[in-house]
Amino acid sequence: MSYYRPYTLRGFSLYVARNRTQQVTASVVQEFPPIPSIRADFGRLGLNRRPTFFGCDPKEYQAEFPLLVYIPNAPPVDGSDPVTK
């Protein structure tokens, strides 16, 4: 069985990107799209198992956000080692 760090499947890189964006580009008009505020919700909602779009729900948020597509790097569902080329 291949080795995966537990934080890699919980959107860790997405939260790091959001924090870095908020620190570096705080004066920019375009904000980072809303993502779950609690990292545990990321897995509970199944966002770590399929491609997910953030920033595309204008009914919930009035501000305009850039569209962010998150594609998780998850292992195969059957538990086998991933094939990489």
C-alpha atoms as a PDB file:
ATOM      1  CA  MET A   1       0.000   0.000   0.000  1.00  0.00           C
ATOM      2  CA  SER A   2       1.348   3.402  -0.852  1.00  0.00           C
ATOM      3  CA  TYR A   3       2.077   6.066   1.734  1.00  0.00           C
ATOM      4  CA  TYR A   4      -0.106   9.180   1.950  1.00  0.00           C
ATOM      5  CA  ARG A   5       0.243  11.894   4.515  1.00  0.00           C
ATOM      6  CA  PRO A   6      -3.089  12.487   6.255  1.00  0.00           C
ATOM      7  CA  TYR A   7      -3.156  16.215   5.495  1.00  0.00           C
ATOM      8  CA  THR A   8      -2.804  15.754   1.737  1.00  0.00           C
ATOM      9  CA  LEU A   9      -6.388  14.557   1.369  1.00  0.00           C
ATOM     10  CA  ARG A  10      -7.954  17.311   3.445  1.00  0.00           C
ATOM     11  CA  GLY A  11      -7.356  20.237   1.124  1.00  0.00           C
ATOM     12  CA  PHE A  12      -4.234  21.345   2.999  1.00  0.00           C
ATOM     13  CA  SER A  13      -2.709  22.977  -0.078  1.00  0.00           C
ATOM     14  CA  LEU A  14      -5.920  24.898  -0.713  1.00  0.00           C
ATOM     15  CA  TYR A  15      -5.864  26.387   2.806  1.00  0.00           C
ATOM     16  CA  VAL A  16      -2.176  27.278   2.468  1.00  0.00           C
ATOM     17  CA  ALA A  17      -2.902  29.005  -0.855  1.00  0.00           C
ATOM     18  CA  ARG A  18      -5.789  30.949   0.701  1.00  0.00           C
ATOM     19  CA  ASN A  19      -3.664  32.105   3.644  1.00  0.00           C
ATOM     20  CA  ARG A  20      -0.778  33.084   1.383  1.00  0.00           C
ATOM     21  CA  THR A  21      -3.127  34.970  -0.934  1.00  0.00           C
ATOM     22  CA  GLN A  22      -4.656  36.874   1.986  1.00  0.00           C
ATOM     23  CA  GLN A  23      -1.207  37.860   3.285  1.00  0.00           C
ATOM     24  CA  VAL A  24       0.405  38.819  -0.012  1.00  0.00           C
ATOM     25  CA  THR A  25      -2.481  40.377  -1.917  1.00  0.00           C
ATOM     26  CA  ALA A  26      -4.578  41.889   0.863  1.00  0.00           C
ATOM     27  CA  SER A  27      -5.093  45.091  -1.135  1.00  0.00           C
ATOM     28  CA  VAL A  28      -6.346  43.350  -4.277  1.00  0.00           C
ATOM     29  CA  VAL A  29     -10.051  43.696  -5.027  1.00  0.00           C
ATOM     30  CA  GLN A  30     -10.531  40.028  -5.982  1.00  0.00           C
ATOM     31  CA  GLU A  31     -10.766  37.906  -2.859  1.00  0.00           C
ATOM     32  CA  PHE A  32     -10.092  34.198  -2.549  1.00  0.00           C
ATOM     33  CA  PRO A  33     -13.317  32.221  -3.071  1.00  0.00           C
ATOM     34  CA  PRO A  34     -15.023  30.915   0.073  1.00  0.00           C
ATOM     35  CA  ILE A  35     -13.916  27.450   1.167  1.00  0.00           C
ATOM     36  CA  PRO A  36     -15.072  25.499   4.240  1.00  0.00           C
ATOM     37  CA  SER A  37     -13.850  27.351   7.322  1.00  0.00           C
ATOM     38  CA  ILE A  38     -13.083  24.125   9.193  1.00  0.00           C
ATOM     39  CA  ARG A  39     -10.685  21.704   7.512  1.00  0.00           C
ATOM     40  CA  ALA A  40     -12.546  18.719   8.989  1.00  0.00           C
ATOM     41  CA  ASP A  41     -15.581  19.774   6.944  1.00  0.00           C
ATOM     42  CA  PHE A  42     -13.520  19.369   3.791  1.00  0.00           C
ATOM     43  CA  GLY A  43     -13.451  15.595   4.229  1.00  0.00           C
ATOM     44  CA  ARG A  44     -16.907  15.359   5.775  1.00  0.00           C
ATOM     45  CA  LEU A  45     -18.432  17.038   2.719  1.00  0.00           C
ATOM     46  CA  GLY A  46     -16.504  14.716   0.391  1.00  0.00           C
ATOM     47  CA  LEU A  47     -14.608  17.559  -1.282  1.00  0.00           C
ATOM     48  CA  ASN A  48     -11.427  15.482  -1.131  1.00  0.00           C
ATOM     49  CA  ARG A  49     -12.899  12.768  -3.378  1.00  0.00           C
ATOM     50  CA  ARG A  50     -13.956  14.652  -6.496  1.00  0.00           C
ATOM     51  CA  PRO A  51     -13.215  17.819  -8.446  1.00  0.00           C
ATOM     52  CA  THR A  52     -14.884  20.756  -6.726  1.00  0.00           C
ATOM     53  CA  PHE A  53     -15.669  24.277  -7.919  1.00  0.00           C
ATOM     54  CA  PHE A  54     -15.341  27.201  -5.511  1.00  0.00           C
ATOM     55  CA  GLY A  55     -16.500  30.756  -6.147  1.00  0.00           C
ATOM     56  CA  CYS A  56     -19.383  29.931  -8.467  1.00  0.00           C
ATOM     57  CA  ASP A  57     -22.431  30.314  -6.194  1.00  0.00           C
ATOM     58  CA  PRO A  58     -23.660  33.899  -6.682  1.00  0.00           C
ATOM     59  CA  LYS A  59     -26.851  33.234  -4.688  1.00  0.00           C
ATOM     60  CA  GLU A  60     -24.954  32.597  -1.472  1.00  0.00           C
ATOM     61  CA  TYR A  61     -22.311  35.331  -1.806  1.00  0.00           C
ATOM     62  CA  GLN A  62     -22.803  38.796  -3.279  1.00  0.00           C
ATOM     63  CA  ALA A  63     -19.129  39.449  -3.983  1.00  0.00           C
ATOM     64  CA  GLU A  64     -17.536  38.208  -7.187  1.00  0.00           C
ATOM     65  CA  PHE A  65     -14.771  35.675  -6.807  1.00  0.00           C
ATOM     66  CA  PRO A  66     -12.448  34.038  -9.302  1.00  0.00           C
ATOM     67  CA  LEU A  67     -13.478  30.508 -10.183  1.00  0.00           C
ATOM     68  CA  LEU A  68     -11.286  27.979  -8.428  1.00  0.00           C
ATOM     69  CA  VAL A  69     -11.279  24.318  -9.464  1.00  0.00           C
ATOM     70  CA  TYR A  70      -9.846  21.960  -6.856  1.00  0.00           C
ATOM     71  CA  ILE A  71      -8.795  18.549  -8.171  1.00  0.00           C
ATOM     72  CA  PRO A  72      -7.697  16.313  -5.289  1.00  0.00           C
ATOM     73  CA  ASN A  73      -4.737  14.016  -5.602  1.00  0.00           C
ATOM     74  CA  ALA A  74      -6.482  11.066  -3.988  1.00  0.00           C
ATOM     75  CA  PRO A  75      -5.526   7.392  -4.172  1.00  0.00           C
ATOM     76  CA  PRO A  76      -7.679   5.012  -6.228  1.00  0.00           C
ATOM     77  CA  VAL A  77     -10.898   4.011  -4.507  1.00  0.00           C
ATOM     78  CA  ASP A  78     -10.060   0.291  -4.680  1.00  0.00           C
ATOM     79  CA  GLY A  79      -6.973   0.812  -2.460  1.00  0.00           C
ATOM     80  CA  SER A  80      -4.434  -0.077  -5.135  1.00  0.00           C
ATOM     81  CA  ASP A  81      -1.256   1.911  -5.703  1.00  0.00           C
ATOM     82  CA  PRO A  82      -1.761   4.907  -8.007  1.00  0.00           C
ATOM     83  CA  VAL A  83      -0.402   4.730 -11.524  1.00  0.00           C
ATOM     84  CA  THR A  84       1.788   7.665 -12.478  1.00  0.00           C
ATOM     85  CA  LYS A  85       3.615   8.382 -15.688  1.00  0.00           C
END
